[in-house]
Structure formats: C-alpha cells, structure tokens
Amino acid sequence: MKRSAKFTSLAMALCLSLPAFGISLNEAKNELDSVKQQGQVGETPTGYLDVVDSDGRAREIVDAINEARRQEYTRIAQKHDIPVTQVETVAGEKAIEKTPSGQFVLIEGQWVKK
C-alpha cells in the first residue's frame, strides 16, 4: 500500500508540474517570428535569444528555442572538437547579421532596433 501511495503522489506531482515545463519547441518556433516582429525578443552575440520587452509567452519561447540551440551548438562543437563558446559566438554573429531591419539585436549590452 505504501508503494502505491508513493507512486500516486509522484504521478500527481508530475502532472501538477507539467505547465512549468513551458511550451513545446514546435510551438516556440511557430511563435518566434511574431514575438521578434513585436519587439519582445531579440538576438544576442552569444548565439541565443533574449527577452527585450516581456509580454505574454516571450520568456517561454526564448527558453524553448535557446535549449534547442544549446543542444545543437554542443553537437557541432563535439563533432568539430572545438569549444562550445566558439560555436555560440559564430552563431551569434550570423544571427545578428541575418536579423531583418525593425527587429532587435543586443549590441554592447544595449538593445538596438536594426
């Protein structure tokens, strides 16, 4: 009986904590362009997104996309036997370069509308 009670408690705890996991990567990808165009999210020189002006789900979107980027940067770094920071820096430069005008990028610690 004790084992059943522990299992039930664990299952309930997991169910209650599911919203804390945020949104799925696919949901984040689908919403990314919109939050970037609205000025809520911008690219940084570190290769990751950050929140410019938090509104709605911006933080959840940033967290989901950044986790996927972190995994990909790690994979690339391991494949080429280079530091992850090197991959992050190159990715950040490319992301800032590719950012369309009207969207935000982080330059020398300041958000700048490109």
N, C-alpha and C. Protein backbone atom coordinates (compact mmCIF):
# COMPACT_ATOMS: atom_id res chain seq x y z
N MET A 1 0.82 -1.20 0.00
CA MET A 1 0.00 0.00 0.00
C MET A 1 0.86 1.27 0.00
N LYS A 2 1.95 1.25 0.77
CA LYS A 2 2.84 2.40 0.82
C LYS A 2 3.41 2.70 -0.56
N ARG A 3 3.75 1.65 -1.30
CA ARG A 3 4.33 1.81 -2.63
C ARG A 3 3.32 2.48 -3.57
N SER A 4 2.07 2.08 -3.48
CA SER A 4 1.01 2.64 -4.30
C SER A 4 0.80 4.12 -3.97
N ALA A 5 0.85 4.45 -2.71
CA ALA A 5 0.68 5.84 -2.29
C ALA A 5 1.83 6.71 -2.79
N LYS A 6 3.05 6.18 -2.74
CA LYS A 6 4.20 6.93 -3.24
C LYS A 6 4.07 7.15 -4.74
N PHE A 7 3.67 6.12 -5.47
CA PHE A 7 3.51 6.23 -6.91
C PHE A 7 2.44 7.27 -7.25
N THR A 8 1.33 7.24 -6.54
CA THR A 8 0.25 8.20 -6.77
C THR A 8 0.73 9.62 -6.49
N SER A 9 1.45 9.80 -5.41
CA SER A 9 1.98 11.12 -5.08
C SER A 9 2.94 11.62 -6.15
N LEU A 10 3.80 10.73 -6.63
CA LEU A 10 4.74 11.10 -7.68
C LEU A 10 4.01 11.46 -8.95
N ALA A 11 3.02 10.67 -9.34
CA ALA A 11 2.25 10.94 -10.55
C ALA A 11 1.54 12.29 -10.46
N MET A 12 0.95 12.58 -9.29
CA MET A 12 0.26 13.86 -9.10
C MET A 12 1.24 15.02 -9.17
N ALA A 13 2.39 14.85 -8.57
CA ALA A 13 3.41 15.91 -8.59
C ALA A 13 3.85 16.19 -10.02
N LEU A 14 4.05 15.16 -10.80
CA LEU A 14 4.45 15.34 -12.20
C LEU A 14 3.37 16.05 -12.99
N CYS A 15 2.14 15.67 -12.81
CA CYS A 15 1.03 16.30 -13.52
C CYS A 15 0.92 17.78 -13.16
N LEU A 16 1.08 18.09 -11.89
CA LEU A 16 0.98 19.47 -11.46
C LEU A 16 2.14 20.31 -11.95
N SER A 17 3.28 19.69 -12.19
CA SER A 17 4.45 20.46 -12.61
C SER A 17 4.57 20.57 -14.12
N LEU A 18 3.72 19.90 -14.88
CA LEU A 18 3.82 19.96 -16.34
C LEU A 18 3.79 21.37 -16.90
N PRO A 19 2.91 22.26 -16.46
CA PRO A 19 2.92 23.61 -17.01
C PRO A 19 4.26 24.31 -16.82
N ALA A 20 5.02 23.94 -15.82
CA ALA A 20 6.32 24.58 -15.57
C ALA A 20 7.33 24.25 -16.66
N PHE A 21 7.07 23.19 -17.42
CA PHE A 21 8.00 22.84 -18.49
C PHE A 21 7.89 23.77 -19.67
N GLY A 22 6.89 24.64 -19.71
CA GLY A 22 6.76 25.60 -20.78
C GLY A 22 6.13 25.01 -22.02
N ILE A 23 6.40 25.66 -23.14
CA ILE A 23 5.80 25.25 -24.40
C ILE A 23 6.73 24.32 -25.17
N SER A 24 6.18 23.66 -26.15
CA SER A 24 6.99 22.76 -26.96
C SER A 24 7.86 23.56 -27.92
N LEU A 25 8.87 22.91 -28.43
CA LEU A 25 9.77 23.55 -29.39
C LEU A 25 9.00 23.96 -30.64
N ASN A 26 8.11 23.12 -31.11
CA ASN A 26 7.33 23.46 -32.31
C ASN A 26 6.46 24.68 -32.08
N GLU A 27 5.83 24.78 -30.91
CA GLU A 27 5.03 25.96 -30.59
C GLU A 27 5.92 27.20 -30.56
N ALA A 28 7.09 27.08 -29.96
CA ALA A 28 8.02 28.21 -29.87
C ALA A 28 8.47 28.65 -31.26
N LYS A 29 8.80 27.69 -32.11
CA LYS A 29 9.21 28.02 -33.48
C LYS A 29 8.09 28.75 -34.22
N ASN A 30 6.86 28.29 -34.04
CA ASN A 30 5.72 28.90 -34.72
C ASN A 30 5.47 30.33 -34.26
N GLU A 31 5.82 30.64 -33.03
CA GLU A 31 5.56 31.97 -32.48
C GLU A 31 6.76 32.91 -32.53
N LEU A 32 7.93 32.38 -32.87
CA LEU A 32 9.16 33.17 -32.79
C LEU A 32 9.14 34.41 -33.68
N ASP A 33 8.79 34.26 -34.94
CA ASP A 33 8.77 35.42 -35.83
C ASP A 33 7.86 36.52 -35.31
N SER A 34 6.72 36.12 -34.81
CA SER A 34 5.76 37.09 -34.31
C SER A 34 6.31 37.90 -33.13
N VAL A 35 6.90 37.22 -32.15
CA VAL A 35 7.42 37.95 -30.99
C VAL A 35 8.65 38.78 -31.35
N LYS A 36 9.40 38.33 -32.35
CA LYS A 36 10.53 39.16 -32.81
C LYS A 36 10.02 40.43 -33.49
N GLN A 37 9.01 40.28 -34.34
CA GLN A 37 8.44 41.44 -35.05
C GLN A 37 7.77 42.41 -34.09
N GLN A 38 7.25 41.89 -32.99
CA GLN A 38 6.60 42.74 -31.99
C GLN A 38 7.61 43.40 -31.05
N GLY A 39 8.90 43.08 -31.21
CA GLY A 39 9.94 43.69 -30.38
C GLY A 39 10.04 43.09 -28.99
N GLN A 40 9.50 41.90 -28.80
CA GLN A 40 9.55 41.26 -27.49
C GLN A 40 10.82 40.43 -27.30
N VAL A 41 11.41 39.96 -28.40
CA VAL A 41 12.54 39.04 -28.36
C VAL A 41 13.59 39.51 -29.37
N GLY A 42 14.86 39.36 -29.01
CA GLY A 42 15.93 39.74 -29.92
C GLY A 42 17.09 38.77 -29.86
N GLU A 43 17.98 38.89 -30.85
CA GLU A 43 19.17 38.05 -30.95
C GLU A 43 20.32 38.68 -30.17
N THR A 44 21.17 37.84 -29.61
CA THR A 44 22.32 38.32 -28.85
C THR A 44 23.62 37.80 -29.48
N PRO A 45 24.76 38.42 -29.17
CA PRO A 45 26.04 37.97 -29.72
C PRO A 45 26.48 36.60 -29.19
N THR A 46 25.78 36.09 -28.18
CA THR A 46 26.15 34.79 -27.62
C THR A 46 25.49 33.63 -28.37
N GLY A 47 24.70 33.95 -29.39
CA GLY A 47 24.04 32.90 -30.17
C GLY A 47 22.69 32.49 -29.62
N TYR A 48 22.23 33.20 -28.63
CA TYR A 48 20.96 32.88 -28.02
C TYR A 48 20.01 34.06 -28.10
N LEU A 49 18.73 33.77 -27.93
CA LEU A 49 17.71 34.81 -27.87
C LEU A 49 17.62 35.34 -26.45
N ASP A 50 17.05 36.53 -26.33
CA ASP A 50 16.73 37.04 -25.00
C ASP A 50 15.48 37.90 -25.12
N VAL A 51 14.85 38.13 -23.99
CA VAL A 51 13.64 38.93 -23.95
C VAL A 51 14.01 40.40 -23.93
N VAL A 52 13.44 41.16 -24.86
CA VAL A 52 13.64 42.60 -24.93
C VAL A 52 12.60 43.29 -24.06
N ASP A 53 11.34 42.93 -24.29
CA ASP A 53 10.22 43.50 -23.57
C ASP A 53 9.23 42.38 -23.30
N SER A 54 9.22 41.91 -22.09
CA SER A 54 8.43 40.72 -21.76
C SER A 54 6.94 41.00 -21.83
N ASP A 55 6.28 40.16 -22.59
CA ASP A 55 4.83 40.22 -22.71
C ASP A 55 4.35 38.84 -23.12
N GLY A 56 3.39 38.35 -22.42
CA GLY A 56 2.85 37.05 -22.80
C GLY A 56 3.85 35.92 -22.63
N ARG A 57 4.04 35.17 -23.71
CA ARG A 57 4.84 33.95 -23.66
C ARG A 57 6.28 34.16 -24.13
N ALA A 58 6.75 35.37 -24.20
CA ALA A 58 8.09 35.63 -24.72
C ALA A 58 9.17 34.81 -24.01
N ARG A 59 9.14 34.77 -22.69
CA ARG A 59 10.16 34.04 -21.93
C ARG A 59 10.10 32.55 -22.24
N GLU A 60 8.90 31.99 -22.34
CA GLU A 60 8.76 30.57 -22.66
C GLU A 60 9.31 30.25 -24.04
N ILE A 61 9.05 31.13 -24.98
CA ILE A 61 9.54 30.94 -26.36
C ILE A 61 11.06 30.99 -26.36
N VAL A 62 11.63 31.99 -25.71
CA VAL A 62 13.09 32.14 -25.62
C VAL A 62 13.71 30.90 -24.98
N ASP A 63 13.15 30.44 -23.89
CA ASP A 63 13.71 29.28 -23.19
C ASP A 63 13.69 28.02 -24.06
N ALA A 64 12.58 27.80 -24.76
CA ALA A 64 12.47 26.60 -25.61
C ALA A 64 13.44 26.65 -26.78
N ILE A 65 13.53 27.79 -27.45
CA ILE A 65 14.43 27.93 -28.59
C ILE A 65 15.88 27.85 -28.13
N ASN A 66 16.21 28.52 -27.02
CA ASN A 66 17.58 28.50 -26.53
C ASN A 66 18.04 27.10 -26.13
N GLU A 67 17.15 26.32 -25.56
CA GLU A 67 17.51 24.95 -25.19
C GLU A 67 17.85 24.14 -26.44
N ALA A 68 17.06 24.30 -27.49
CA ALA A 68 17.33 23.59 -28.75
C ALA A 68 18.65 24.08 -29.36
N ARG A 69 18.88 25.39 -29.31
CA ARG A 69 20.15 25.94 -29.83
C ARG A 69 21.32 25.40 -29.03
N ARG A 70 21.20 25.36 -27.70
CA ARG A 70 22.28 24.89 -26.83
C ARG A 70 22.66 23.44 -27.19
N GLN A 71 21.65 22.63 -27.42
CA GLN A 71 21.90 21.23 -27.79
C GLN A 71 22.60 21.14 -29.15
N GLU A 72 22.16 21.94 -30.09
CA GLU A 72 22.77 21.91 -31.42
C GLU A 72 24.20 22.45 -31.39
N TYR A 73 24.44 23.53 -30.66
CA TYR A 73 25.79 24.08 -30.55
C TYR A 73 26.73 23.05 -29.91
N THR A 74 26.23 22.35 -28.91
CA THR A 74 27.05 21.32 -28.25
C THR A 74 27.38 20.20 -29.23
N ARG A 75 26.40 19.78 -30.01
CA ARG A 75 26.61 18.73 -31.00
C ARG A 75 27.67 19.14 -32.03
N ILE A 76 27.57 20.36 -32.52
CA ILE A 76 28.52 20.88 -33.51
C ILE A 76 29.92 20.97 -32.90
N ALA A 77 30.00 21.48 -31.69
CA ALA A 77 31.30 21.63 -31.02
C ALA A 77 31.97 20.27 -30.83
N GLN A 78 31.21 19.29 -30.42
CA GLN A 78 31.77 17.95 -30.22
C GLN A 78 32.21 17.34 -31.55
N LYS A 79 31.43 17.54 -32.57
CA LYS A 79 31.75 16.99 -33.90
C LYS A 79 33.06 17.55 -34.43
N HIS A 80 33.31 18.84 -34.18
CA HIS A 80 34.49 19.50 -34.71
C HIS A 80 35.60 19.65 -33.67
N ASP A 81 35.36 19.12 -32.47
CA ASP A 81 36.33 19.18 -31.39
C ASP A 81 36.79 20.62 -31.11
N ILE A 82 35.81 21.50 -30.95
CA ILE A 82 36.07 22.90 -30.62
C ILE A 82 35.22 23.29 -29.42
N PRO A 83 35.57 24.38 -28.76
CA PRO A 83 34.78 24.81 -27.59
C PRO A 83 33.37 25.26 -28.02
N VAL A 84 32.40 24.99 -27.18
CA VAL A 84 31.02 25.40 -27.46
C VAL A 84 30.94 26.92 -27.60
N THR A 85 31.73 27.64 -26.82
CA THR A 85 31.69 29.11 -26.90
C THR A 85 32.07 29.61 -28.29
N GLN A 86 32.93 28.89 -28.97
CA GLN A 86 33.30 29.27 -30.33
C GLN A 86 32.10 29.13 -31.27
N VAL A 87 31.37 28.05 -31.13
CA VAL A 87 30.17 27.84 -31.94
C VAL A 87 29.12 28.90 -31.60
N GLU A 88 28.94 29.18 -30.32
CA GLU A 88 27.96 30.18 -29.89
C GLU A 88 28.29 31.55 -30.49
N THR A 89 29.56 31.93 -30.46
CA THR A 89 29.97 33.23 -30.97
C THR A 89 29.71 33.35 -32.47
N VAL A 90 30.07 32.34 -33.22
CA VAL A 90 29.84 32.36 -34.67
C VAL A 90 28.34 32.40 -34.96
N ALA A 91 27.57 31.60 -34.23
CA ALA A 91 26.12 31.57 -34.42
C ALA A 91 25.52 32.93 -34.08
N GLY A 92 26.00 33.56 -33.02
CA GLY A 92 25.51 34.88 -32.64
C GLY A 92 25.78 35.93 -33.70
N GLU A 93 26.99 35.90 -34.26
CA GLU A 93 27.35 36.85 -35.32
C GLU A 93 26.43 36.66 -36.53
N LYS A 94 26.22 35.41 -36.92
CA LYS A 94 25.36 35.12 -38.07
C LYS A 94 23.91 35.52 -37.81
N ALA A 95 23.42 35.24 -36.61
CA ALA A 95 22.03 35.57 -36.28
C ALA A 95 21.81 37.08 -36.31
N ILE A 96 22.75 37.83 -35.76
CA ILE A 96 22.64 39.29 -35.77
C ILE A 96 22.71 39.82 -37.20
N GLU A 97 23.60 39.27 -37.98
CA GLU A 97 23.75 39.67 -39.38
C GLU A 97 22.45 39.41 -40.16
N LYS A 98 21.81 38.28 -39.90
CA LYS A 98 20.60 37.88 -40.63
C LYS A 98 19.32 38.55 -40.11
N THR A 99 19.39 39.17 -38.96
CA THR A 99 18.20 39.78 -38.38
C THR A 99 17.68 40.89 -39.29
N PRO A 100 16.41 40.81 -39.66
CA PRO A 100 15.83 41.84 -40.54
C PRO A 100 15.73 43.19 -39.85
N SER A 101 15.71 44.24 -40.65
CA SER A 101 15.56 45.57 -40.07
C SER A 101 14.21 45.66 -39.36
N GLY A 102 14.19 46.44 -38.30
CA GLY A 102 12.99 46.58 -37.49
C GLY A 102 12.95 45.65 -36.29
N GLN A 103 13.85 44.66 -36.26
CA GLN A 103 13.91 43.74 -35.13
C GLN A 103 15.11 44.09 -34.25
N PHE A 104 15.10 43.56 -33.03
CA PHE A 104 16.11 43.93 -32.06
C PHE A 104 17.29 42.96 -32.00
N VAL A 105 18.48 43.57 -31.79
CA VAL A 105 19.71 42.82 -31.55
C VAL A 105 20.41 43.47 -30.36
N LEU A 106 21.18 42.68 -29.64
CA LEU A 106 21.91 43.19 -28.49
C LEU A 106 23.33 43.55 -28.93
N ILE A 107 23.65 44.83 -28.86
CA ILE A 107 24.97 45.33 -29.26
C ILE A 107 25.59 46.05 -28.07
N GLU A 108 26.74 45.55 -27.63
CA GLU A 108 27.46 46.14 -26.50
C GLU A 108 26.54 46.36 -25.30
N GLY A 109 25.70 45.37 -25.01
CA GLY A 109 24.84 45.40 -23.84
C GLY A 109 23.58 46.22 -23.98
N GLN A 110 23.33 46.77 -25.16
CA GLN A 110 22.14 47.60 -25.37
C GLN A 110 21.28 47.02 -26.50
N TRP A 111 19.97 47.00 -26.30
CA TRP A 111 19.08 46.56 -27.36
C TRP A 111 18.98 47.64 -28.42
N VAL A 112 19.21 47.26 -29.66
CA VAL A 112 19.19 48.19 -30.78
C VAL A 112 18.25 47.65 -31.83
N LYS A 113 17.38 48.54 -32.33
CA LYS A 113 16.48 48.16 -33.41
C LYS A 113 17.27 48.27 -34.70
N LYS A 114 17.38 47.18 -35.39
CA LYS A 114 18.18 47.14 -36.59
C LYS A 114 17.52 47.91 -37.74
